[in-house]
Amino acid sequence: VASLARAELSEVLAAWAGLGYYARARNLHACARTVAEDRGGRFPET
């Protein structure tokens, strides 16, 4: 999750191209940054 959080959004969108529903890729990137920056890289358990 830390490496994904460091990526540029444009890189993530390019890697996602063809999977469709691109809001998922934007949220994926935002979620990675939230987990890495606000939760020390750990996903909540509940």
ModelCIF file with pLDDT and N, C-alpha, C, O atoms, coordinates in Angstrom:
data_MODEL
#
_entry.id   MODEL 
#
_entity.id                         1 
_entity.type                       polymer 
_entity.pdbx_number_of_molecules   1 
#
_entity_poly.entity_id                      1 
_entity_poly.type                           'polypeptide(L)' 
_entity_poly.nstd_linkage                   no 
_entity_poly.nstd_monomer                   no 
_entity_poly.pdbx_seq_one_letter_code       VASLARAELSEVLAAWAGLGYYARARNLHACARTVAEDRGGRFPET 
_entity_poly.pdbx_seq_one_letter_code_can   VASLARAELSEVLAAWAGLGYYARARNLHACARTVAEDRGGRFPET 
_entity_poly.pdbx_strand_id                 A 
#
loop_
_entity_poly_seq.entity_id 
_entity_poly_seq.num 
_entity_poly_seq.mon_id 
_entity_poly_seq.hetero 
1 1  VAL n 
1 2  ALA n 
1 3  SER n 
1 4  LEU n 
1 5  ALA n 
1 6  ARG n 
1 7  ALA n 
1 8  GLU n 
1 9  LEU n 
1 10 SER n 
1 11 GLU n 
1 12 VAL n 
1 13 LEU n 
1 14 ALA n 
1 15 ALA n 
1 16 TRP n 
1 17 ALA n 
1 18 GLY n 
1 19 LEU n 
1 20 GLY n 
1 21 TYR n 
1 22 TYR n 
1 23 ALA n 
1 24 ARG n 
1 25 ALA n 
1 26 ARG n 
1 27 ASN n 
1 28 LEU n 
1 29 HIS n 
1 30 ALA n 
1 31 CYS n 
1 32 ALA n 
1 33 ARG n 
1 34 THR n 
1 35 VAL n 
1 36 ALA n 
1 37 GLU n 
1 38 ASP n 
1 39 ARG n 
1 40 GLY n 
1 41 GLY n 
1 42 ARG n 
1 43 PHE n 
1 44 PRO n 
1 45 GLU n 
1 46 THR n 
#
_struct_asym.id          A 
_struct_asym.entity_id   1 
#
loop_
_ma_qa_metric.id 
_ma_qa_metric.mode 
_ma_qa_metric.name 
_ma_qa_metric.software_group_id 
_ma_qa_metric.type 
1 global pLDDT . pLDDT 
2 local  pLDDT . pLDDT 
#
_ma_qa_metric_global.metric_id      1 
_ma_qa_metric_global.metric_value   92.26 
_ma_qa_metric_global.model_id       1 
_ma_qa_metric_global.ordinal_id     1 
#
loop_
_ma_qa_metric_local.label_asym_id 
_ma_qa_metric_local.label_comp_id 
_ma_qa_metric_local.label_seq_id 
_ma_qa_metric_local.metric_id 
_ma_qa_metric_local.metric_value 
_ma_qa_metric_local.model_id 
_ma_qa_metric_local.ordinal_id 
A VAL 1  2 96.00 1 1  
A ALA 2  2 96.00 1 2  
A SER 3  2 96.00 1 3  
A LEU 4  2 97.00 1 4  
A ALA 5  2 97.00 1 5  
A ARG 6  2 96.00 1 6  
A ALA 7  2 95.00 1 7  
A GLU 8  2 93.00 1 8  
A LEU 9  2 92.00 1 9  
A SER 10 2 89.00 1 10 
A GLU 11 2 91.00 1 11 
A VAL 12 2 93.00 1 12 
A LEU 13 2 90.00 1 13 
A ALA 14 2 88.00 1 14 
A ALA 15 2 89.00 1 15 
A TRP 16 2 90.00 1 16 
A ALA 17 2 82.00 1 17 
A GLY 18 2 80.00 1 18 
A LEU 19 2 83.00 1 19 
A GLY 20 2 79.00 1 20 
A TYR 21 2 80.00 1 21 
A TYR 22 2 84.00 1 22 
A ALA 23 2 87.00 1 23 
A ARG 24 2 90.00 1 24 
A ALA 25 2 91.00 1 25 
A ARG 26 2 92.00 1 26 
A ASN 27 2 94.00 1 27 
A LEU 28 2 95.00 1 28 
A HIS 29 2 96.00 1 29 
A ALA 30 2 96.00 1 30 
A CYS 31 2 97.00 1 31 
A ALA 32 2 97.00 1 32 
A ARG 33 2 96.00 1 33 
A THR 34 2 97.00 1 34 
A VAL 35 2 97.00 1 35 
A ALA 36 2 96.00 1 36 
A GLU 37 2 95.00 1 37 
A ASP 38 2 94.00 1 38 
A ARG 39 2 94.00 1 39 
A GLY 40 2 93.00 1 40 
A GLY 41 2 94.00 1 41 
A ARG 42 2 95.00 1 42 
A PHE 43 2 97.00 1 43 
A PRO 44 2 96.00 1 44 
A GLU 45 2 94.00 1 45 
A THR 46 2 95.00 1 46 
#
loop_
_atom_site.group_PDB 
_atom_site.id 
_atom_site.type_symbol 
_atom_site.label_atom_id 
_atom_site.label_alt_id 
_atom_site.label_comp_id 
_atom_site.label_asym_id 
_atom_site.label_entity_id 
_atom_site.label_seq_id 
_atom_site.pdbx_PDB_ins_code 
_atom_site.Cartn_x 
_atom_site.Cartn_y 
_atom_site.Cartn_z 
_atom_site.occupancy 
_atom_site.B_iso_or_equiv 
_atom_site.pdbx_formal_charge 
_atom_site.auth_seq_id 
_atom_site.auth_comp_id 
_atom_site.auth_asym_id 
_atom_site.auth_atom_id 
_atom_site.pdbx_PDB_model_num 
ATOM 1   N N  . VAL A 1 1  ? 0.819   -1.201 0.000   1.00 96.00 ? 1  VAL A N  1 
ATOM 2   C CA . VAL A 1 1  ? 0.000   0.000  0.000   1.00 96.00 ? 1  VAL A CA 1 
ATOM 3   C C  . VAL A 1 1  ? 0.860   1.261  0.000   1.00 96.00 ? 1  VAL A C  1 
ATOM 4   O O  . VAL A 1 1  ? 0.452   2.283  -0.552  1.00 96.00 ? 1  VAL A O  1 
ATOM 5   N N  . ALA A 1 2  ? 2.033   1.205  0.606   1.00 96.00 ? 2  ALA A N  1 
ATOM 6   C CA . ALA A 1 2  ? 2.904   2.379  0.642   1.00 96.00 ? 2  ALA A CA 1 
ATOM 7   C C  . ALA A 1 2  ? 3.398   2.746  -0.753  1.00 96.00 ? 2  ALA A C  1 
ATOM 8   O O  . ALA A 1 2  ? 3.432   3.923  -1.110  1.00 96.00 ? 2  ALA A O  1 
ATOM 9   N N  . SER A 1 3  ? 3.778   1.747  -1.539  1.00 96.00 ? 3  SER A N  1 
ATOM 10  C CA . SER A 1 3  ? 4.269   2.029  -2.889  1.00 96.00 ? 3  SER A CA 1 
ATOM 11  C C  . SER A 1 3  ? 3.146   2.545  -3.780  1.00 96.00 ? 3  SER A C  1 
ATOM 12  O O  . SER A 1 3  ? 3.377   3.423  -4.612  1.00 96.00 ? 3  SER A O  1 
ATOM 13  N N  . LEU A 1 4  ? 1.938   2.020  -3.623  1.00 97.00 ? 4  LEU A N  1 
ATOM 14  C CA . LEU A 1 4  ? 0.806   2.521  -4.405  1.00 97.00 ? 4  LEU A CA 1 
ATOM 15  C C  . LEU A 1 4  ? 0.470   3.947  -4.002  1.00 97.00 ? 4  LEU A C  1 
ATOM 16  O O  . LEU A 1 4  ? 0.112   4.760  -4.853  1.00 97.00 ? 4  LEU A O  1 
ATOM 17  N N  . ALA A 1 5  ? 0.581   4.263  -2.721  1.00 97.00 ? 5  ALA A N  1 
ATOM 18  C CA . ALA A 1 5  ? 0.307   5.620  -2.254  1.00 97.00 ? 5  ALA A CA 1 
ATOM 19  C C  . ALA A 1 5  ? 1.292   6.621  -2.837  1.00 97.00 ? 5  ALA A C  1 
ATOM 20  O O  . ALA A 1 5  ? 0.931   7.776  -3.064  1.00 97.00 ? 5  ALA A O  1 
ATOM 21  N N  . ARG A 1 6  ? 2.523   6.203  -3.083  1.00 96.00 ? 6  ARG A N  1 
ATOM 22  C CA . ARG A 1 6  ? 3.545   7.103  -3.632  1.00 96.00 ? 6  ARG A CA 1 
ATOM 23  C C  . ARG A 1 6  ? 3.388   7.329  -5.126  1.00 96.00 ? 6  ARG A C  1 
ATOM 24  O O  . ARG A 1 6  ? 3.953   8.280  -5.666  1.00 96.00 ? 6  ARG A O  1 
ATOM 25  N N  . ALA A 1 7  ? 2.630   6.470  -5.804  1.00 95.00 ? 7  ALA A N  1 
ATOM 26  C CA . ALA A 1 7  ? 2.476   6.573  -7.259  1.00 95.00 ? 7  ALA A CA 1 
ATOM 27  C C  . ALA A 1 7  ? 1.689   7.827  -7.625  1.00 95.00 ? 7  ALA A C  1 
ATOM 28  O O  . ALA A 1 7  ? 0.895   8.330  -6.830  1.00 95.00 ? 7  ALA A O  1 
ATOM 29  N N  . GLU A 1 8  ? 1.918   8.319  -8.831  1.00 93.00 ? 8  GLU A N  1 
ATOM 30  C CA . GLU A 1 8  ? 1.111   9.412  -9.359  1.00 93.00 ? 8  GLU A CA 1 
ATOM 31  C C  . GLU A 1 8  ? -0.227  8.858  -9.839  1.00 93.00 ? 8  GLU A C  1 
ATOM 32  O O  . GLU A 1 8  ? -0.303  7.730  -10.325 1.00 93.00 ? 8  GLU A O  1 
ATOM 33  N N  . LEU A 1 9  ? -1.272  9.655  -9.699  1.00 92.00 ? 9  LEU A N  1 
ATOM 34  C CA . LEU A 1 9  ? -2.594  9.206  -10.150 1.00 92.00 ? 9  LEU A CA 1 
ATOM 35  C C  . LEU A 1 9  ? -2.571  8.844  -11.628 1.00 92.00 ? 9  LEU A C  1 
ATOM 36  O O  . LEU A 1 9  ? -3.215  7.878  -12.037 1.00 92.00 ? 9  LEU A O  1 
ATOM 37  N N  . SER A 1 10 ? -1.842  9.604  -12.430 1.00 89.00 ? 10 SER A N  1 
ATOM 38  C CA . SER A 1 10 ? -1.788  9.327  -13.874 1.00 89.00 ? 10 SER A CA 1 
ATOM 39  C C  . SER A 1 10 ? -1.212  7.944  -14.145 1.00 89.00 ? 10 SER A C  1 
ATOM 40  O O  . SER A 1 10 ? -1.635  7.272  -15.086 1.00 89.00 ? 10 SER A O  1 
ATOM 41  N N  . GLU A 1 11 ? -0.240  7.507  -13.323 1.00 91.00 ? 11 GLU A N  1 
ATOM 42  C CA . GLU A 1 11 ? 0.331   6.166  -13.484 1.00 91.00 ? 11 GLU A CA 1 
ATOM 43  C C  . GLU A 1 11 ? -0.712  5.093  -13.180 1.00 91.00 ? 11 GLU A C  1 
ATOM 44  O O  . GLU A 1 11 ? -0.827  4.098  -13.897 1.00 91.00 ? 11 GLU A O  1 
ATOM 45  N N  . VAL A 1 12 ? -1.459  5.310  -12.118 1.00 93.00 ? 12 VAL A N  1 
ATOM 46  C CA . VAL A 1 12 ? -2.474  4.332  -11.721 1.00 93.00 ? 12 VAL A CA 1 
ATOM 47  C C  . VAL A 1 12 ? -3.575  4.255  -12.778 1.00 93.00 ? 12 VAL A C  1 
ATOM 48  O O  . VAL A 1 12 ? -4.035  3.166  -13.120 1.00 93.00 ? 12 VAL A O  1 
ATOM 49  N N  . LEU A 1 13 ? -3.996  5.409  -13.295 1.00 90.00 ? 13 LEU A N  1 
ATOM 50  C CA . LEU A 1 13 ? -5.032  5.419  -14.330 1.00 90.00 ? 13 LEU A CA 1 
ATOM 51  C C  . LEU A 1 13 ? -4.548  4.719  -15.592 1.00 90.00 ? 13 LEU A C  1 
ATOM 52  O O  . LEU A 1 13 ? -5.311  3.998  -16.235 1.00 90.00 ? 13 LEU A O  1 
ATOM 53  N N  . ALA A 1 14 ? -3.285  4.930  -15.948 1.00 88.00 ? 14 ALA A N  1 
ATOM 54  C CA . ALA A 1 14 ? -2.744  4.261  -17.141 1.00 88.00 ? 14 ALA A CA 1 
ATOM 55  C C  . ALA A 1 14 ? -2.712  2.751  -16.948 1.00 88.00 ? 14 ALA A C  1 
ATOM 56  O O  . ALA A 1 14 ? -3.030  1.999  -17.869 1.00 88.00 ? 14 ALA A O  1 
ATOM 57  N N  . ALA A 1 15 ? -2.327  2.304  -15.749 1.00 89.00 ? 15 ALA A N  1 
ATOM 58  C CA . ALA A 1 15 ? -2.294  0.863  -15.481 1.00 89.00 ? 15 ALA A CA 1 
ATOM 59  C C  . ALA A 1 15 ? -3.696  0.272  -15.446 1.00 89.00 ? 15 ALA A C  1 
ATOM 60  O O  . ALA A 1 15 ? -3.883  -0.912 -15.726 1.00 89.00 ? 15 ALA A O  1 
ATOM 61  N N  . TRP A 1 16 ? -4.681  1.100  -15.102 1.00 90.00 ? 16 TRP A N  1 
ATOM 62  C CA . TRP A 1 16 ? -6.066  0.651  -14.988 1.00 90.00 ? 16 TRP A CA 1 
ATOM 63  C C  . TRP A 1 16 ? -6.768  0.613  -16.348 1.00 90.00 ? 16 TRP A C  1 
ATOM 64  O O  . TRP A 1 16 ? -7.769  -0.086 -16.502 1.00 90.00 ? 16 TRP A O  1 
ATOM 65  N N  . ALA A 1 17 ? -6.264  1.342  -17.318 1.00 82.00 ? 17 ALA A N  1 
ATOM 66  C CA . ALA A 1 17 ? -6.952  1.522  -18.606 1.00 82.00 ? 17 ALA A CA 1 
ATOM 67  C C  . ALA A 1 17 ? -7.413  0.192  -19.172 1.00 82.00 ? 17 ALA A C  1 
ATOM 68  O O  . ALA A 1 17 ? -6.641  -0.763 -19.260 1.00 82.00 ? 17 ALA A O  1 
ATOM 69  N N  . GLY A 1 18 ? -8.687  0.142  -19.556 1.00 80.00 ? 18 GLY A N  1 
ATOM 70  C CA . GLY A 1 18 ? -9.279  -1.070 -20.105 1.00 80.00 ? 18 GLY A CA 1 
ATOM 71  C C  . GLY A 1 18 ? -10.141 -1.827 -19.118 1.00 80.00 ? 18 GLY A C  1 
ATOM 72  O O  . GLY A 1 18 ? -10.961 -2.650 -19.526 1.00 80.00 ? 18 GLY A O  1 
ATOM 73  N N  . LEU A 1 19 ? -9.977  -1.569 -17.814 1.00 83.00 ? 19 LEU A N  1 
ATOM 74  C CA . LEU A 1 19 ? -10.804 -2.249 -16.811 1.00 83.00 ? 19 LEU A CA 1 
ATOM 75  C C  . LEU A 1 19 ? -12.144 -1.551 -16.602 1.00 83.00 ? 19 LEU A C  1 
ATOM 76  O O  . LEU A 1 19 ? -13.067 -2.140 -16.040 1.00 83.00 ? 19 LEU A O  1 
ATOM 77  N N  . GLY A 1 20 ? -12.258 -0.303 -17.049 1.00 79.00 ? 20 GLY A N  1 
ATOM 78  C CA . GLY A 1 20 ? -13.529 0.413  -16.937 1.00 79.00 ? 20 GLY A CA 1 
ATOM 79  C C  . GLY A 1 20 ? -13.829 0.900  -15.533 1.00 79.00 ? 20 GLY A C  1 
ATOM 80  O O  . GLY A 1 20 ? -13.099 0.617  -14.584 1.00 79.00 ? 20 GLY A O  1 
ATOM 81  N N  . TYR A 1 21 ? -14.940 1.652  -15.426 1.00 80.00 ? 21 TYR A N  1 
ATOM 82  C CA . TYR A 1 21 ? -15.375 2.195  -14.129 1.00 80.00 ? 21 TYR A CA 1 
ATOM 83  C C  . TYR A 1 21 ? -14.195 2.895  -13.439 1.00 80.00 ? 21 TYR A C  1 
ATOM 84  O O  . TYR A 1 21 ? -13.747 2.483  -12.368 1.00 80.00 ? 21 TYR A O  1 
ATOM 85  N N  . TYR A 1 22 ? -13.710 3.955  -14.076 1.00 84.00 ? 22 TYR A N  1 
ATOM 86  C CA . TYR A 1 22 ? -12.442 4.559  -13.682 1.00 84.00 ? 22 TYR A CA 1 
ATOM 87  C C  . TYR A 1 22 ? -12.486 5.275  -12.340 1.00 84.00 ? 22 TYR A C  1 
ATOM 88  O O  . TYR A 1 22 ? -11.438 5.592  -11.777 1.00 84.00 ? 22 TYR A O  1 
ATOM 89  N N  . ALA A 1 23 ? -13.683 5.535  -11.817 1.00 87.00 ? 23 ALA A N  1 
ATOM 90  C CA . ALA A 1 23 ? -13.759 6.083  -10.461 1.00 87.00 ? 23 ALA A CA 1 
ATOM 91  C C  . ALA A 1 23 ? -13.120 5.111  -9.473  1.00 87.00 ? 23 ALA A C  1 
ATOM 92  O O  . ALA A 1 23 ? -12.594 5.526  -8.441  1.00 87.00 ? 23 ALA A O  1 
ATOM 93  N N  . ARG A 1 24 ? -13.167 3.815  -9.792  1.00 90.00 ? 24 ARG A N  1 
ATOM 94  C CA . ARG A 1 24 ? -12.538 2.824  -8.910  1.00 90.00 ? 24 ARG A CA 1 
ATOM 95  C C  . ARG A 1 24 ? -11.040 3.066  -8.799  1.00 90.00 ? 24 ARG A C  1 
ATOM 96  O O  . ARG A 1 24 ? -10.465 2.945  -7.718  1.00 90.00 ? 24 ARG A O  1 
ATOM 97  N N  . ALA A 1 25 ? -10.402 3.412  -9.929  1.00 91.00 ? 25 ALA A N  1 
ATOM 98  C CA . ALA A 1 25 ? -8.956  3.650  -9.911  1.00 91.00 ? 25 ALA A CA 1 
ATOM 99  C C  . ALA A 1 25 ? -8.627  4.907  -9.120  1.00 91.00 ? 25 ALA A C  1 
ATOM 100 O O  . ALA A 1 25 ? -7.647  4.932  -8.375  1.00 91.00 ? 25 ALA A O  1 
ATOM 101 N N  . ARG A 1 26 ? -9.433  5.948  -9.276  1.00 92.00 ? 26 ARG A N  1 
ATOM 102 C CA . ARG A 1 26 ? -9.186  7.173  -8.511  1.00 92.00 ? 26 ARG A CA 1 
ATOM 103 C C  . ARG A 1 26 ? -9.373  6.908  -7.016  1.00 92.00 ? 26 ARG A C  1 
ATOM 104 O O  . ARG A 1 26 ? -8.583  7.372  -6.193  1.00 92.00 ? 26 ARG A O  1 
ATOM 105 N N  . ASN A 1 27 ? -10.420 6.161  -6.675  1.00 94.00 ? 27 ASN A N  1 
ATOM 106 C CA . ASN A 1 27 ? -10.644 5.835  -5.267  1.00 94.00 ? 27 ASN A CA 1 
ATOM 107 C C  . ASN A 1 27 ? -9.576  4.888  -4.724  1.00 94.00 ? 27 ASN A C  1 
ATOM 108 O O  . ASN A 1 27 ? -9.191  4.979  -3.558  1.00 94.00 ? 27 ASN A O  1 
ATOM 109 N N  . LEU A 1 28 ? -9.099  3.977  -5.577  1.00 95.00 ? 28 LEU A N  1 
ATOM 110 C CA . LEU A 1 28 ? -8.031  3.069  -5.176  1.00 95.00 ? 28 LEU A CA 1 
ATOM 111 C C  . LEU A 1 28 ? -6.810  3.861  -4.727  1.00 95.00 ? 28 LEU A C  1 
ATOM 112 O O  . LEU A 1 28 ? -6.224  3.593  -3.678  1.00 95.00 ? 28 LEU A O  1 
ATOM 113 N N  . HIS A 1 29 ? -6.443  4.834  -5.537  1.00 96.00 ? 29 HIS A N  1 
ATOM 114 C CA . HIS A 1 29 ? -5.282  5.668  -5.232  1.00 96.00 ? 29 HIS A CA 1 
ATOM 115 C C  . HIS A 1 29 ? -5.524  6.493  -3.972  1.00 96.00 ? 29 HIS A C  1 
ATOM 116 O O  . HIS A 1 29 ? -4.645  6.592  -3.115  1.00 96.00 ? 29 HIS A O  1 
ATOM 117 N N  . ALA A 1 30 ? -6.709  7.082  -3.858  1.00 96.00 ? 30 ALA A N  1 
ATOM 118 C CA . ALA A 1 30 ? -7.038  7.884  -2.672  1.00 96.00 ? 30 ALA A CA 1 
ATOM 119 C C  . ALA A 1 30 ? -7.048  7.021  -1.414  1.00 96.00 ? 30 ALA A C  1 
ATOM 120 O O  . ALA A 1 30 ? -6.591  7.454  -0.357  1.00 96.00 ? 30 ALA A O  1 
ATOM 121 N N  . CYS A 1 31 ? -7.568  5.808  -1.529  1.00 97.00 ? 31 CYS A N  1 
ATOM 122 C CA . CYS A 1 31 ? -7.615  4.899  -0.384  1.00 97.00 ? 31 CYS A CA 1 
ATOM 123 C C  . CYS A 1 31 ? -6.204  4.505  0.043   1.00 97.00 ? 31 CYS A C  1 
ATOM 124 O O  . CYS A 1 31 ? -5.907  4.473  1.237   1.00 97.00 ? 31 CYS A O  1 
ATOM 125 N N  . ALA A 1 32 ? -5.341  4.209  -0.912  1.00 97.00 ? 32 ALA A N  1 
ATOM 126 C CA . ALA A 1 32 ? -3.959  3.845  -0.582  1.00 97.00 ? 32 ALA A CA 1 
ATOM 127 C C  . ALA A 1 32 ? -3.281  4.972  0.183   1.00 97.00 ? 32 ALA A C  1 
ATOM 128 O O  . ALA A 1 32 ? -2.566  4.725  1.154   1.00 97.00 ? 32 ALA A O  1 
ATOM 129 N N  . ARG A 1 33 ? -3.502  6.198  -0.249  1.00 96.00 ? 33 ARG A N  1 
ATOM 130 C CA . ARG A 1 33 ? -2.890  7.335  0.442   1.00 96.00 ? 33 ARG A CA 1 
ATOM 131 C C  . ARG A 1 33 ? -3.467  7.514  1.847   1.00 96.00 ? 33 ARG A C  1 
ATOM 132 O O  . ARG A 1 33 ? -2.748  7.853  2.787   1.00 96.00 ? 33 ARG A O  1 
ATOM 133 N N  . THR A 1 34 ? -4.763  7.283  1.975   1.00 97.00 ? 34 THR A N  1 
ATOM 134 C CA . THR A 1 34 ? -5.380  7.401  3.295   1.00 97.00 ? 34 THR A CA 1 
ATOM 135 C C  . THR A 1 34 ? -4.802  6.368  4.254   1.00 97.00 ? 34 THR A C  1 
ATOM 136 O O  . THR A 1 34 ? -4.448  6.695  5.387   1.00 97.00 ? 34 THR A O  1 
ATOM 137 N N  . VAL A 1 35 ? -4.706  5.123  3.799   1.00 97.00 ? 35 VAL A N  1 
ATOM 138 C CA . VAL A 1 35 ? -4.180  4.052  4.654   1.00 97.00 ? 35 VAL A CA 1 
ATOM 139 C C  . VAL A 1 35 ? -2.711  4.298  4.982   1.00 97.00 ? 35 VAL A C  1 
ATOM 140 O O  . VAL A 1 35 ? -2.289  4.110  6.123   1.00 97.00 ? 35 VAL A O  1 
ATOM 141 N N  . ALA A 1 36 ? -1.931  4.717  3.985   1.00 96.00 ? 36 ALA A N  1 
ATOM 142 C CA . ALA A 1 36 ? -0.493  4.914  4.196   1.00 96.00 ? 36 ALA A CA 1 
ATOM 143 C C  . ALA A 1 36 ? -0.203  6.126  5.080   1.00 96.00 ? 36 ALA A C  1 
ATOM 144 O O  . ALA A 1 36 ? 0.666   6.083  5.951   1.00 96.00 ? 36 ALA A O  1 
ATOM 145 N N  . GLU A 1 37 ? -0.943  7.200  4.842   1.00 95.00 ? 37 GLU A N  1 
ATOM 146 C CA . GLU A 1 37 ? -0.615  8.456  5.526   1.00 95.00 ? 37 GLU A CA 1 
ATOM 147 C C  . GLU A 1 37 ? -1.339  8.623  6.856   1.00 95.00 ? 37 GLU A C  1 
ATOM 148 O O  . GLU A 1 37 ? -0.789  9.201  7.794   1.00 95.00 ? 37 GLU A O  1 
ATOM 149 N N  . ASP A 1 38 ? -2.563  8.124  6.941   1.00 94.00 ? 38 ASP A N  1 
ATOM 150 C CA . ASP A 1 38 ? -3.366  8.357  8.150   1.00 94.00 ? 38 ASP A CA 1 
ATOM 151 C C  . ASP A 1 38 ? -3.430  7.153  9.084   1.00 94.00 ? 38 ASP A C  1 
ATOM 152 O O  . ASP A 1 38 ? -3.769  7.288  10.260  1.00 94.00 ? 38 ASP A O  1 
ATOM 153 N N  . ARG A 1 39 ? -3.101  5.971  8.553   1.00 94.00 ? 39 ARG A N  1 
ATOM 154 C CA . ARG A 1 39 ? -3.254  4.768  9.370   1.00 94.00 ? 39 ARG A CA 1 
ATOM 155 C C  . ARG A 1 39 ? -1.965  3.954  9.456   1.00 94.00 ? 39 ARG A C  1 
ATOM 156 O O  . ARG A 1 39 ? -1.993  2.779  9.822   1.00 94.00 ? 39 ARG A O  1 
ATOM 157 N N  . GLY A 1 40 ? -0.839  4.576  9.118   1.00 93.00 ? 40 GLY A N  1 
ATOM 158 C CA . GLY A 1 40 ? 0.446   3.897  9.245   1.00 93.00 ? 40 GLY A CA 1 
ATOM 159 C C  . GLY A 1 40 ? 0.592   2.673  8.367   1.00 93.00 ? 40 GLY A C  1 
ATOM 160 O O  . GLY A 1 40 ? 1.377   1.775  8.674   1.00 93.00 ? 40 GLY A O  1 
ATOM 161 N N  . GLY A 1 41 ? -0.167  2.627  7.260   1.00 94.00 ? 41 GLY A N  1 
ATOM 162 C CA . GLY A 1 41 ? -0.065  1.511  6.333   1.00 94.00 ? 41 GLY A CA 1 
ATOM 163 C C  . GLY A 1 41 ? -0.882  0.294  6.714   1.00 94.00 ? 41 GLY A C  1 
ATOM 164 O O  . GLY A 1 41 ? -0.766  -0.751 6.074   1.00 94.00 ? 41 GLY A O  1 
ATOM 165 N N  . ARG A 1 42 ? -1.713  0.408  7.752   1.00 95.00 ? 42 ARG A N  1 
ATOM 166 C CA . ARG A 1 42 ? -2.513  -0.731 8.203   1.00 95.00 ? 42 ARG A CA 1 
ATOM 167 C C  . ARG A 1 42 ? -3.990  -0.496 7.881   1.00 95.00 ? 42 ARG A C  1 
ATOM 168 O O  . ARG A 1 42 ? -4.545  0.563  8.175   1.00 95.00 ? 42 ARG A O  1 
ATOM 169 N N  . PHE A 1 43 ? -4.607  -1.504 7.275   1.00 97.00 ? 43 PHE A N  1 
ATOM 170 C CA . PHE A 1 43 ? -6.037  -1.420 6.981   1.00 97.00 ? 43 PHE A CA 1 
ATOM 171 C C  . PHE A 1 43 ? -6.837  -1.658 8.259   1.00 97.00 ? 43 PHE A C  1 
ATOM 172 O O  . PHE A 1 43 ? -6.448  -2.487 9.081   1.00 97.00 ? 43 PHE A O  1 
ATOM 173 N N  . PRO A 1 44 ? -7.951  -0.940 8.437   1.00 96.00 ? 44 PRO A N  1 
ATOM 174 C CA . PRO A 1 44 ? -8.818  -1.226 9.589   1.00 96.00 ? 44 PRO A CA 1 
ATOM 175 C C  . PRO A 1 44 ? -9.415  -2.622 9.461   1.00 96.00 ? 44 PRO A C  1 
ATOM 176 O O  . PRO A 1 44 ? -9.523  -3.164 8.361   1.00 96.00 ? 44 PRO A O  1 
ATOM 177 N N  . GLU A 1 45 ? -9.803  -3.201 10.601  1.00 94.00 ? 45 GLU A N  1 
ATOM 178 C CA . GLU A 1 45 ? -10.243 -4.595 10.619  1.00 94.00 ? 45 GLU A CA 1 
ATOM 179 C C  . GLU A 1 45 ? -11.754 -4.769 10.699  1.00 94.00 ? 45 GLU A C  1 
ATOM 180 O O  . GLU A 1 45 ? -12.250 -5.886 10.546  1.00 94.00 ? 45 GLU A O  1 
ATOM 181 N N  . THR A 1 46 ? -12.491 -3.696 10.934  1.00 95.00 ? 46 THR A N  1 
ATOM 182 C CA . THR A 1 46 ? -13.942 -3.829 11.077  1.00 95.00 ? 46 THR A CA 1 
ATOM 183 C C  . THR A 1 46 ? -14.665 -3.255 9.871   1.00 95.00 ? 46 THR A C  1 
ATOM 184 O O  . THR A 1 46 ? -15.895 -3.280 9.819   1.00 95.00 ? 46 THR A O  1 
#
